[in-house]
């Protein structure tokens, strides 16, 4: 199991979002376009082996907004990502 952080500085306020690797938005750190995205808008960090590690790293990134994808909440509730 792995987690990734997406940092976006183009759309809206500069932000980071934590995702589980199996999330459709994340695709193990390649994004929805599976690596074919414009890196001038944002980029992926990770993998992180635990949610705690991803949260600590996210907190250390100086951005306006820190979020978690709903997939993280589903993971915490079920121990897996529900479809």
PDB file of N, CA and C in Angstrom:
ATOM      1  N   UNK A   1       0.844  -1.164   0.000  1.00  0.00           N
ATOM      2  CA  UNK A   1       0.000   0.000   0.000  1.00  0.00           C
ATOM      3  C   UNK A   1       0.891   1.229   0.000  1.00  0.00           C
ATOM      4  N   UNK A   2       0.487   2.232  -0.761  1.00  0.00           N
ATOM      5  CA  UNK A   2       1.294   3.445  -0.833  1.00  0.00           C
ATOM      6  C   UNK A   2       0.401   4.665  -0.956  1.00  0.00           C
ATOM      7  N   UNK A   3       0.966   5.784  -0.591  1.00  0.00           N
ATOM      8  CA  UNK A   3       0.279   7.070  -0.664  1.00  0.00           C
ATOM      9  C   UNK A   3       1.142   8.040  -1.448  1.00  0.00           C
ATOM     10  N   UNK A   4       0.491   9.004  -2.078  1.00  0.00           N
ATOM     11  CA  UNK A   4       1.170  10.009  -2.881  1.00  0.00           C
ATOM     12  C   UNK A   4       0.589  11.375  -2.552  1.00  0.00           C
ATOM     13  N   UNK A   5       1.384  12.402  -2.829  1.00  0.00           N
ATOM     14  CA  UNK A   5       0.943  13.783  -2.649  1.00  0.00           C
ATOM     15  C   UNK A   5       0.984  14.460  -4.006  1.00  0.00           C
ATOM     16  N   UNK A   6      -0.137  15.078  -4.376  1.00  0.00           N
ATOM     17  CA  UNK A   6      -0.155  15.881  -5.598  1.00  0.00           C
ATOM     18  C   UNK A   6      -0.051  17.339  -5.190  1.00  0.00           C
ATOM     19  N   UNK A   7       0.953  18.015  -5.710  1.00  0.00           N
ATOM     20  CA  UNK A   7       1.115  19.453  -5.464  1.00  0.00           C
ATOM     21  C   UNK A   7       0.703  20.192  -6.726  1.00  0.00           C
ATOM     22  N   UNK A   8      -0.229  21.131  -6.575  1.00  0.00           N
ATOM     23  CA  UNK A   8      -0.727  21.899  -7.712  1.00  0.00           C
ATOM     24  C   UNK A   8      -0.548  23.379  -7.423  1.00  0.00           C
ATOM     25  N   UNK A   9       0.143  24.066  -8.303  1.00  0.00           N
ATOM     26  CA  UNK A   9       0.372  25.503  -8.137  1.00  0.00           C
ATOM     27  C   UNK A   9      -0.320  26.308  -9.223  1.00  0.00           C
ATOM     28  N   UNK A  10      -1.098  25.667 -10.097  1.00  0.00           N
ATOM     29  CA  UNK A  10      -1.714  26.367 -11.219  1.00  0.00           C
ATOM     30  C   UNK A  10      -3.202  26.636 -10.991  1.00  0.00           C
ATOM     31  N   UNK A  11      -3.966  25.612 -10.635  1.00  0.00           N
ATOM     32  CA  UNK A  11      -5.424  25.732 -10.517  1.00  0.00           C
ATOM     33  C   UNK A  11      -5.812  26.174  -9.111  1.00  0.00           C
ATOM     34  N   UNK A  12      -6.273  27.396  -8.972  1.00  0.00           N
ATOM     35  CA  UNK A  12      -6.682  27.888  -7.660  1.00  0.00           C
ATOM     36  C   UNK A  12      -5.486  28.172  -6.779  1.00  0.00           C
ATOM     37  N   UNK A  13      -5.712  28.129  -5.451  1.00  0.00           N
ATOM     38  CA  UNK A  13      -4.585  28.391  -4.550  1.00  0.00           C
ATOM     39  C   UNK A  13      -3.573  27.250  -4.606  1.00  0.00           C
ATOM     40  N   UNK A  14      -2.330  27.565  -4.339  1.00  0.00           N
ATOM     41  CA  UNK A  14      -1.251  26.564  -4.286  1.00  0.00           C
ATOM     42  C   UNK A  14      -1.635  25.542  -3.224  1.00  0.00           C
ATOM     43  N   UNK A  15      -1.721  24.267  -3.609  1.00  0.00           N
ATOM     44  CA  UNK A  15      -2.228  23.262  -2.672  1.00  0.00           C
ATOM     45  C   UNK A  15      -1.544  21.922  -2.851  1.00  0.00           C
ATOM     46  N   UNK A  16      -1.723  21.065  -1.823  1.00  0.00           N
ATOM     47  CA  UNK A  16      -1.315  19.668  -1.895  1.00  0.00           C
ATOM     48  C   UNK A  16      -2.504  18.805  -1.492  1.00  0.00           C
ATOM     49  N   UNK A  17      -2.588  17.626  -2.117  1.00  0.00           N
ATOM     50  CA  UNK A  17      -3.661  16.682  -1.815  1.00  0.00           C
ATOM     51  C   UNK A  17      -3.035  15.291  -1.681  1.00  0.00           C
ATOM     52  N   UNK A  18      -3.329  14.615  -0.569  1.00  0.00           N
ATOM     53  CA  UNK A  18      -2.846  13.252  -0.350  1.00  0.00           C
ATOM     54  C   UNK A  18      -3.833  12.281  -0.990  1.00  0.00           C
ATOM     55  N   UNK A  19      -3.293  11.267  -1.684  1.00  0.00           N
ATOM     56  CA  UNK A  19      -4.096  10.224  -2.324  1.00  0.00           C
ATOM     57  C   UNK A  19      -3.535   8.852  -1.966  1.00  0.00           C
ATOM     58  N   UNK A  20      -4.406   7.852  -1.953  1.00  0.00           N
ATOM     59  CA  UNK A  20      -3.961   6.461  -1.896  1.00  0.00           C
ATOM     60  C   UNK A  20      -3.527   6.086  -3.307  1.00  0.00           C
ATOM     61  N   UNK A  21      -2.498   5.259  -3.429  1.00  0.00           N
ATOM     62  CA  UNK A  21      -1.964   4.904  -4.744  1.00  0.00           C
ATOM     63  C   UNK A  21      -2.987   4.307  -5.686  1.00  0.00           C
ATOM     64  N   UNK A  22      -3.988   3.598  -5.158  1.00  0.00           N
ATOM     65  CA  UNK A  22      -4.977   2.952  -6.015  1.00  0.00           C
ATOM     66  C   UNK A  22      -6.119   3.882  -6.432  1.00  0.00           C
ATOM     67  N   UNK A  23      -6.115   5.090  -5.938  1.00  0.00           N
ATOM     68  CA  UNK A  23      -7.147   6.067  -6.290  1.00  0.00           C
ATOM     69  C   UNK A  23      -7.094   6.356  -7.796  1.00  0.00           C
ATOM     70  N   UNK A  24      -8.245   6.513  -8.419  1.00  0.00           N
ATOM     71  CA  UNK A  24      -8.301   6.811  -9.846  1.00  0.00           C
ATOM     72  C   UNK A  24      -7.697   8.141 -10.213  1.00  0.00           C
ATOM     73  N   UNK A  25      -7.649   9.073  -9.268  1.00  0.00           N
ATOM     74  CA  UNK A  25      -7.006  10.365  -9.525  1.00  0.00           C
ATOM     75  C   UNK A  25      -5.489  10.258  -9.430  1.00  0.00           C
ATOM     76  N   UNK A  26      -5.017   9.248  -8.689  1.00  0.00           N
ATOM     77  CA  UNK A  26      -3.579   9.103  -8.423  1.00  0.00           C
ATOM     78  C   UNK A  26      -2.886   8.127  -9.370  1.00  0.00           C
ATOM     79  N   UNK A  27      -3.447   6.915  -9.506  1.00  0.00           N
ATOM     80  CA  UNK A  27      -2.828   5.875 -10.342  1.00  0.00           C
ATOM     81  C   UNK A  27      -1.347   5.684 -10.013  1.00  0.00           C
ATOM     82  N   UNK A  28      -1.084   5.463  -8.733  1.00  0.00           N
ATOM     83  CA  UNK A  28       0.292   5.249  -8.250  1.00  0.00           C
ATOM     84  C   UNK A  28       1.231   6.377  -8.642  1.00  0.00           C
ATOM     85  N   UNK A  29       0.744   7.607  -8.480  1.00  0.00           N
ATOM     86  CA  UNK A  29       1.589   8.777  -8.705  1.00  0.00           C
ATOM     87  C   UNK A  29       1.744   9.213 -10.150  1.00  0.00           C
ATOM     88  N   UNK A  30       0.920   8.674 -11.032  1.00  0.00           N
ATOM     89  CA  UNK A  30       0.992   9.091 -12.436  1.00  0.00           C
ATOM     90  C   UNK A  30      -0.180   9.977 -12.834  1.00  0.00           C
ATOM     91  N   UNK A  31      -1.171  10.111 -11.951  1.00  0.00           N
ATOM     92  CA  UNK A  31      -2.315  10.968 -12.231  1.00  0.00           C
ATOM     93  C   UNK A  31      -3.346  10.314 -13.129  1.00  0.00           C
ATOM     94  N   UNK A  32      -4.423  11.060 -13.366  1.00  0.00           N
ATOM     95  CA  UNK A  32      -5.521  10.541 -14.194  1.00  0.00           C
ATOM     96  C   UNK A  32      -5.063  10.250 -15.610  1.00  0.00           C
ATOM     97  N   UNK A  33      -4.093  10.997 -16.080  1.00  0.00           N
ATOM     98  CA  UNK A  33      -3.610  10.793 -17.454  1.00  0.00           C
ATOM     99  C   UNK A  33      -2.443   9.810 -17.505  1.00  0.00           C
ATOM    100  N   UNK A  34      -2.186   9.138 -16.376  1.00  0.00           N
ATOM    101  CA  UNK A  34      -1.130   8.118 -16.274  1.00  0.00           C
ATOM    102  C   UNK A  34       0.231   8.636 -16.722  1.00  0.00           C
ATOM    103  N   UNK A  35       0.591   9.803 -16.206  1.00  0.00           N
ATOM    104  CA  UNK A  35       1.921  10.366 -16.444  1.00  0.00           C
ATOM    105  C   UNK A  35       1.996  11.332 -17.596  1.00  0.00           C
ATOM    106  N   UNK A  36       0.933  11.460 -18.355  1.00  0.00           N
ATOM    107  CA  UNK A  36       0.925  12.340 -19.514  1.00  0.00           C
ATOM    108  C   UNK A  36       0.209  13.646 -19.160  1.00  0.00           C
ATOM    109  N   UNK A  37       0.795  14.404 -18.228  1.00  0.00           N
ATOM    110  CA  UNK A  37       0.183  15.650 -17.774  1.00  0.00           C
ATOM    111  C   UNK A  37       1.213  16.772 -17.827  1.00  0.00           C
ATOM    112  N   UNK A  38       0.725  17.993 -17.732  1.00  0.00           N
ATOM    113  CA  UNK A  38       1.574  19.178 -17.831  1.00  0.00           C
ATOM    114  C   UNK A  38       2.215  19.472 -16.479  1.00  0.00           C
ATOM    115  N   UNK A  39       3.495  19.192 -16.342  1.00  0.00           N
ATOM    116  CA  UNK A  39       4.202  19.384 -15.074  1.00  0.00           C
ATOM    117  C   UNK A  39       4.427  20.854 -14.729  1.00  0.00           C
ATOM    118  N   UNK A  40       4.037  21.754 -15.609  1.00  0.00           N
ATOM    119  CA  UNK A  40       4.111  23.169 -15.243  1.00  0.00           C
ATOM    120  C   UNK A  40       2.924  23.548 -14.349  1.00  0.00           C
ATOM    121  N   UNK A  41       1.927  22.651 -14.226  1.00  0.00           N
ATOM    122  CA  UNK A  41       0.758  22.898 -13.376  1.00  0.00           C
ATOM    123  C   UNK A  41       0.892  22.258 -12.009  1.00  0.00           C
ATOM    124  N   UNK A  42       1.573  21.127 -11.939  1.00  0.00           N
ATOM    125  CA  UNK A  42       1.691  20.410 -10.679  1.00  0.00           C
ATOM    126  C   UNK A  42       2.518  19.156 -10.864  1.00  0.00           C
ATOM    127  N   UNK A  43       2.766  18.449  -9.742  1.00  0.00           N
ATOM    128  CA  UNK A  43       3.554  17.231  -9.817  1.00  0.00           C
ATOM    129  C   UNK A  43       3.253  16.345  -8.619  1.00  0.00           C
ATOM    130  N   UNK A  44       3.593  15.066  -8.771  1.00  0.00           N
ATOM    131  CA  UNK A  44       3.372  14.062  -7.738  1.00  0.00           C
ATOM    132  C   UNK A  44       4.631  13.849  -6.908  1.00  0.00           C
ATOM    133  N   UNK A  45       4.435  13.580  -5.605  1.00  0.00           N
ATOM    134  CA  UNK A  45       5.521  13.215  -4.691  1.00  0.00           C
ATOM    135  C   UNK A  45       5.179  11.871  -4.086  1.00  0.00           C
ATOM    136  N   UNK A  46       6.171  11.060  -3.886  1.00  0.00           N
ATOM    137  CA  UNK A  46       5.956   9.759  -3.284  1.00  0.00           C
ATOM    138  C   UNK A  46       6.544   8.680  -4.161  1.00  0.00           C
ATOM    139  N   UNK A  47       6.363   7.454  -3.800  1.00  0.00           N
ATOM    140  CA  UNK A  47       5.384   6.933  -2.844  1.00  0.00           C
ATOM    141  C   UNK A  47       5.836   7.055  -1.387  1.00  0.00           C
ATOM    142  N   UNK A  48       4.844   7.076  -0.515  1.00  0.00           N
ATOM    143  CA  UNK A  48       5.057   7.048   0.925  1.00  0.00           C
ATOM    144  C   UNK A  48       4.464   5.737   1.428  1.00  0.00           C
ATOM    145  N   UNK A  49       5.173   5.069   2.299  1.00  0.00           N
ATOM    146  CA  UNK A  49       4.748   3.741   2.737  1.00  0.00           C
ATOM    147  C   UNK A  49       3.619   3.769   3.763  1.00  0.00           C
ATOM    148  N   UNK A  50       3.353   4.940   4.337  1.00  0.00           N
ATOM    149  CA  UNK A  50       2.258   5.030   5.311  1.00  0.00           C
ATOM    150  C   UNK A  50       1.547   6.368   5.156  1.00  0.00           C
ATOM    151  N   UNK A  51       0.319   6.383   5.623  1.00  0.00           N
ATOM    152  CA  UNK A  51      -0.454   7.625   5.613  1.00  0.00           C
ATOM    153  C   UNK A  51       0.190   8.651   6.539  1.00  0.00           C
ATOM    154  N   UNK A  52       0.713   8.205   7.676  1.00  0.00           N
ATOM    155  CA  UNK A  52       1.385   9.135   8.596  1.00  0.00           C
ATOM    156  C   UNK A  52       2.576   9.817   7.929  1.00  0.00           C
ATOM    157  N   UNK A  53       3.361   9.046   7.176  1.00  0.00           N
ATOM    158  CA  UNK A  53       4.508   9.624   6.481  1.00  0.00           C
ATOM    159  C   UNK A  53       4.047  10.646   5.432  1.00  0.00           C
ATOM    160  N   UNK A  54       2.989  10.328   4.705  1.00  0.00           N
ATOM    161  CA  UNK A  54       2.461  11.262   3.708  1.00  0.00           C
ATOM    162  C   UNK A  54       1.935  12.533   4.387  1.00  0.00           C
ATOM    163  N   UNK A  55       1.266  12.368   5.522  1.00  0.00           N
ATOM    164  CA  UNK A  55       0.744  13.540   6.247  1.00  0.00           C
ATOM    165  C   UNK A  55       1.877  14.414   6.787  1.00  0.00           C
ATOM    166  N   UNK A  56       2.919  13.805   7.313  1.00  0.00           N
ATOM    167  CA  UNK A  56       4.062  14.598   7.814  1.00  0.00           C
ATOM    168  C   UNK A  56       4.715  15.365   6.672  1.00  0.00           C
ATOM    169  N   UNK A  57       4.894  14.702   5.545  1.00  0.00           N
ATOM    170  CA  UNK A  57       5.510  15.365   4.387  1.00  0.00           C
ATOM    171  C   UNK A  57       4.619  16.476   3.883  1.00  0.00           C
ATOM    172  N   UNK A  58       3.335  16.220   3.771  1.00  0.00           N
ATOM    173  CA  UNK A  58       2.393  17.240   3.311  1.00  0.00           C
ATOM    174  C   UNK A  58       2.450  18.480   4.206  1.00  0.00           C
ATOM    175  N   UNK A  59       2.472  18.248   5.511  1.00  0.00           N
ATOM    176  CA  UNK A  59       2.496  19.365   6.470  1.00  0.00           C
ATOM    177  C   UNK A  59       3.762  20.202   6.336  1.00  0.00           C
ATOM    178  N   UNK A  60       4.833  19.611   5.809  1.00  0.00           N
ATOM    179  CA  UNK A  60       6.095  20.342   5.693  1.00  0.00           C
ATOM    180  C   UNK A  60       6.199  21.159   4.401  1.00  0.00           C
ATOM    181  N   UNK A  61       5.224  21.016   3.513  1.00  0.00           N
ATOM    182  CA  UNK A  61       5.245  21.731   2.236  1.00  0.00           C
ATOM    183  C   UNK A  61       4.549  23.083   2.428  1.00  0.00           C
ATOM    184  N   UNK A  62       5.246  24.177   2.144  1.00  0.00           N
ATOM    185  CA  UNK A  62       4.660  25.502   2.386  1.00  0.00           C
ATOM    186  C   UNK A  62       3.676  25.907   1.283  1.00  0.00           C
ATOM    187  N   UNK A  63       2.415  25.507   1.467  1.00  0.00           N
ATOM    188  CA  UNK A  63       1.351  25.838   0.511  1.00  0.00           C
ATOM    189  C   UNK A  63       0.171  26.435   1.261  1.00  0.00           C
ATOM    190  N   UNK A  64      -0.768  27.012   0.509  1.00  0.00           N
ATOM    191  CA  UNK A  64      -1.935  27.641   1.116  1.00  0.00           C
ATOM    192  C   UNK A  64      -2.951  26.626   1.628  1.00  0.00           C
ATOM    193  N   UNK A  65      -3.072  25.482   0.948  1.00  0.00           N
ATOM    194  CA  UNK A  65      -4.123  24.514   1.269  1.00  0.00           C
ATOM    195  C   UNK A  65      -3.530  23.105   1.347  1.00  0.00           C
ATOM    196  N   UNK A  66      -3.891  22.385   2.411  1.00  0.00           N
ATOM    197  CA  UNK A  66      -3.522  20.975   2.588  1.00  0.00           C
ATOM    198  C   UNK A  66      -4.823  20.176   2.630  1.00  0.00           C
ATOM    199  N   UNK A  67      -5.005  19.228   1.691  1.00  0.00           N
ATOM    200  CA  UNK A  67      -6.226  18.427   1.633  1.00  0.00           C
ATOM    201  C   UNK A  67      -5.894  16.947   1.534  1.00  0.00           C
ATOM    202  N   UNK A  68      -6.934  16.143   1.748  1.00  0.00           N
ATOM    203  CA  UNK A  68      -6.846  14.708   1.509  1.00  0.00           C
ATOM    204  C   UNK A  68      -8.006  14.321   0.606  1.00  0.00           C
ATOM    205  N   UNK A  69      -7.724  13.511  -0.384  1.00  0.00           N
ATOM    206  CA  UNK A  69      -8.748  12.988  -1.276  1.00  0.00           C
ATOM    207  C   UNK A  69      -9.722  12.139  -0.460  1.00  0.00           C
ATOM    208  N   UNK A  70     -10.995  12.057  -0.853  1.00  0.00           N
ATOM    209  CA  UNK A  70     -11.924  11.164  -0.142  1.00  0.00           C
ATOM    210  C   UNK A  70     -11.441   9.723  -0.081  1.00  0.00           C
ATOM    211  N   UNK A  71     -10.574   9.301  -0.996  1.00  0.00           N
ATOM    212  CA  UNK A  71     -10.055   7.926  -0.960  1.00  0.00           C
ATOM    213  C   UNK A  71      -9.302   7.661   0.338  1.00  0.00           C
ATOM    214  N   UNK A  72      -8.694   8.678   0.917  1.00  0.00           N
ATOM    215  CA  UNK A  72      -7.957   8.508   2.175  1.00  0.00           C
ATOM    216  C   UNK A  72      -8.923   8.186   3.308  1.00  0.00           C
ATOM    217  N   UNK A  73     -10.052   8.881   3.346  1.00  0.00           N
ATOM    218  CA  UNK A  73     -11.070   8.592   4.362  1.00  0.00           C
ATOM    219  C   UNK A  73     -11.636   7.193   4.219  1.00  0.00           C
ATOM    220  N   UNK A  74     -11.852   6.752   2.965  1.00  0.00           N
ATOM    221  CA  UNK A  74     -12.349   5.393   2.740  1.00  0.00           C
ATOM    222  C   UNK A  74     -11.304   4.378   3.189  1.00  0.00           C
ATOM    223  N   UNK A  75     -10.039   4.685   2.941  1.00  0.00           N
ATOM    224  CA  UNK A  75      -8.973   3.786   3.375  1.00  0.00           C
ATOM    225  C   UNK A  75      -8.961   3.680   4.892  1.00  0.00           C
ATOM    226  N   UNK A  76      -9.061   4.810   5.565  1.00  0.00           N
ATOM    227  CA  UNK A  76      -9.036   4.795   7.035  1.00  0.00           C
ATOM    228  C   UNK A  76     -10.223   4.034   7.608  1.00  0.00           C
ATOM    229  N   UNK A  77     -11.377   4.124   6.965  1.00  0.00           N
ATOM    230  CA  UNK A  77     -12.570   3.445   7.439  1.00  0.00           C
ATOM    231  C   UNK A  77     -12.541   1.938   7.210  1.00  0.00           C
ATOM    232  N   UNK A  78     -12.034   1.544   6.039  1.00  0.00           N
ATOM    233  CA  UNK A  78     -12.133   0.147   5.626  1.00  0.00           C
ATOM    234  C   UNK A  78     -10.810  -0.594   5.562  1.00  0.00           C
ATOM    235  N   UNK A  79      -9.693   0.133   5.598  1.00  0.00           N
ATOM    236  CA  UNK A  79      -8.402  -0.503   5.396  1.00  0.00           C
ATOM    237  C   UNK A  79      -8.138  -0.827   3.939  1.00  0.00           C
ATOM    238  N   UNK A  80      -9.039  -0.391   3.084  1.00  0.00           N
ATOM    239  CA  UNK A  80      -8.881  -0.581   1.640  1.00  0.00           C
ATOM    240  C   UNK A  80      -9.688   0.499   0.926  1.00  0.00           C
ATOM    241  N   UNK A  81      -9.460   0.640  -0.342  1.00  0.00           N
ATOM    242  CA  UNK A  81     -10.196   1.633  -1.119  1.00  0.00           C
ATOM    243  C   UNK A  81     -11.431   0.972  -1.714  1.00  0.00           C
ATOM    244  N   UNK A  82     -12.590   1.501  -1.359  1.00  0.00           N
ATOM    245  CA  UNK A  82     -13.842   0.977  -1.919  1.00  0.00           C
ATOM    246  C   UNK A  82     -14.051   1.587  -3.303  1.00  0.00           C
ATOM    247  N   UNK A  83     -14.650   0.845  -4.214  1.00  0.00           N
ATOM    248  CA  UNK A  83     -14.891   1.400  -5.557  1.00  0.00           C
ATOM    249  C   UNK A  83     -15.850   2.559  -5.524  1.00  0.00           C
TER     250      UNK A  83
END
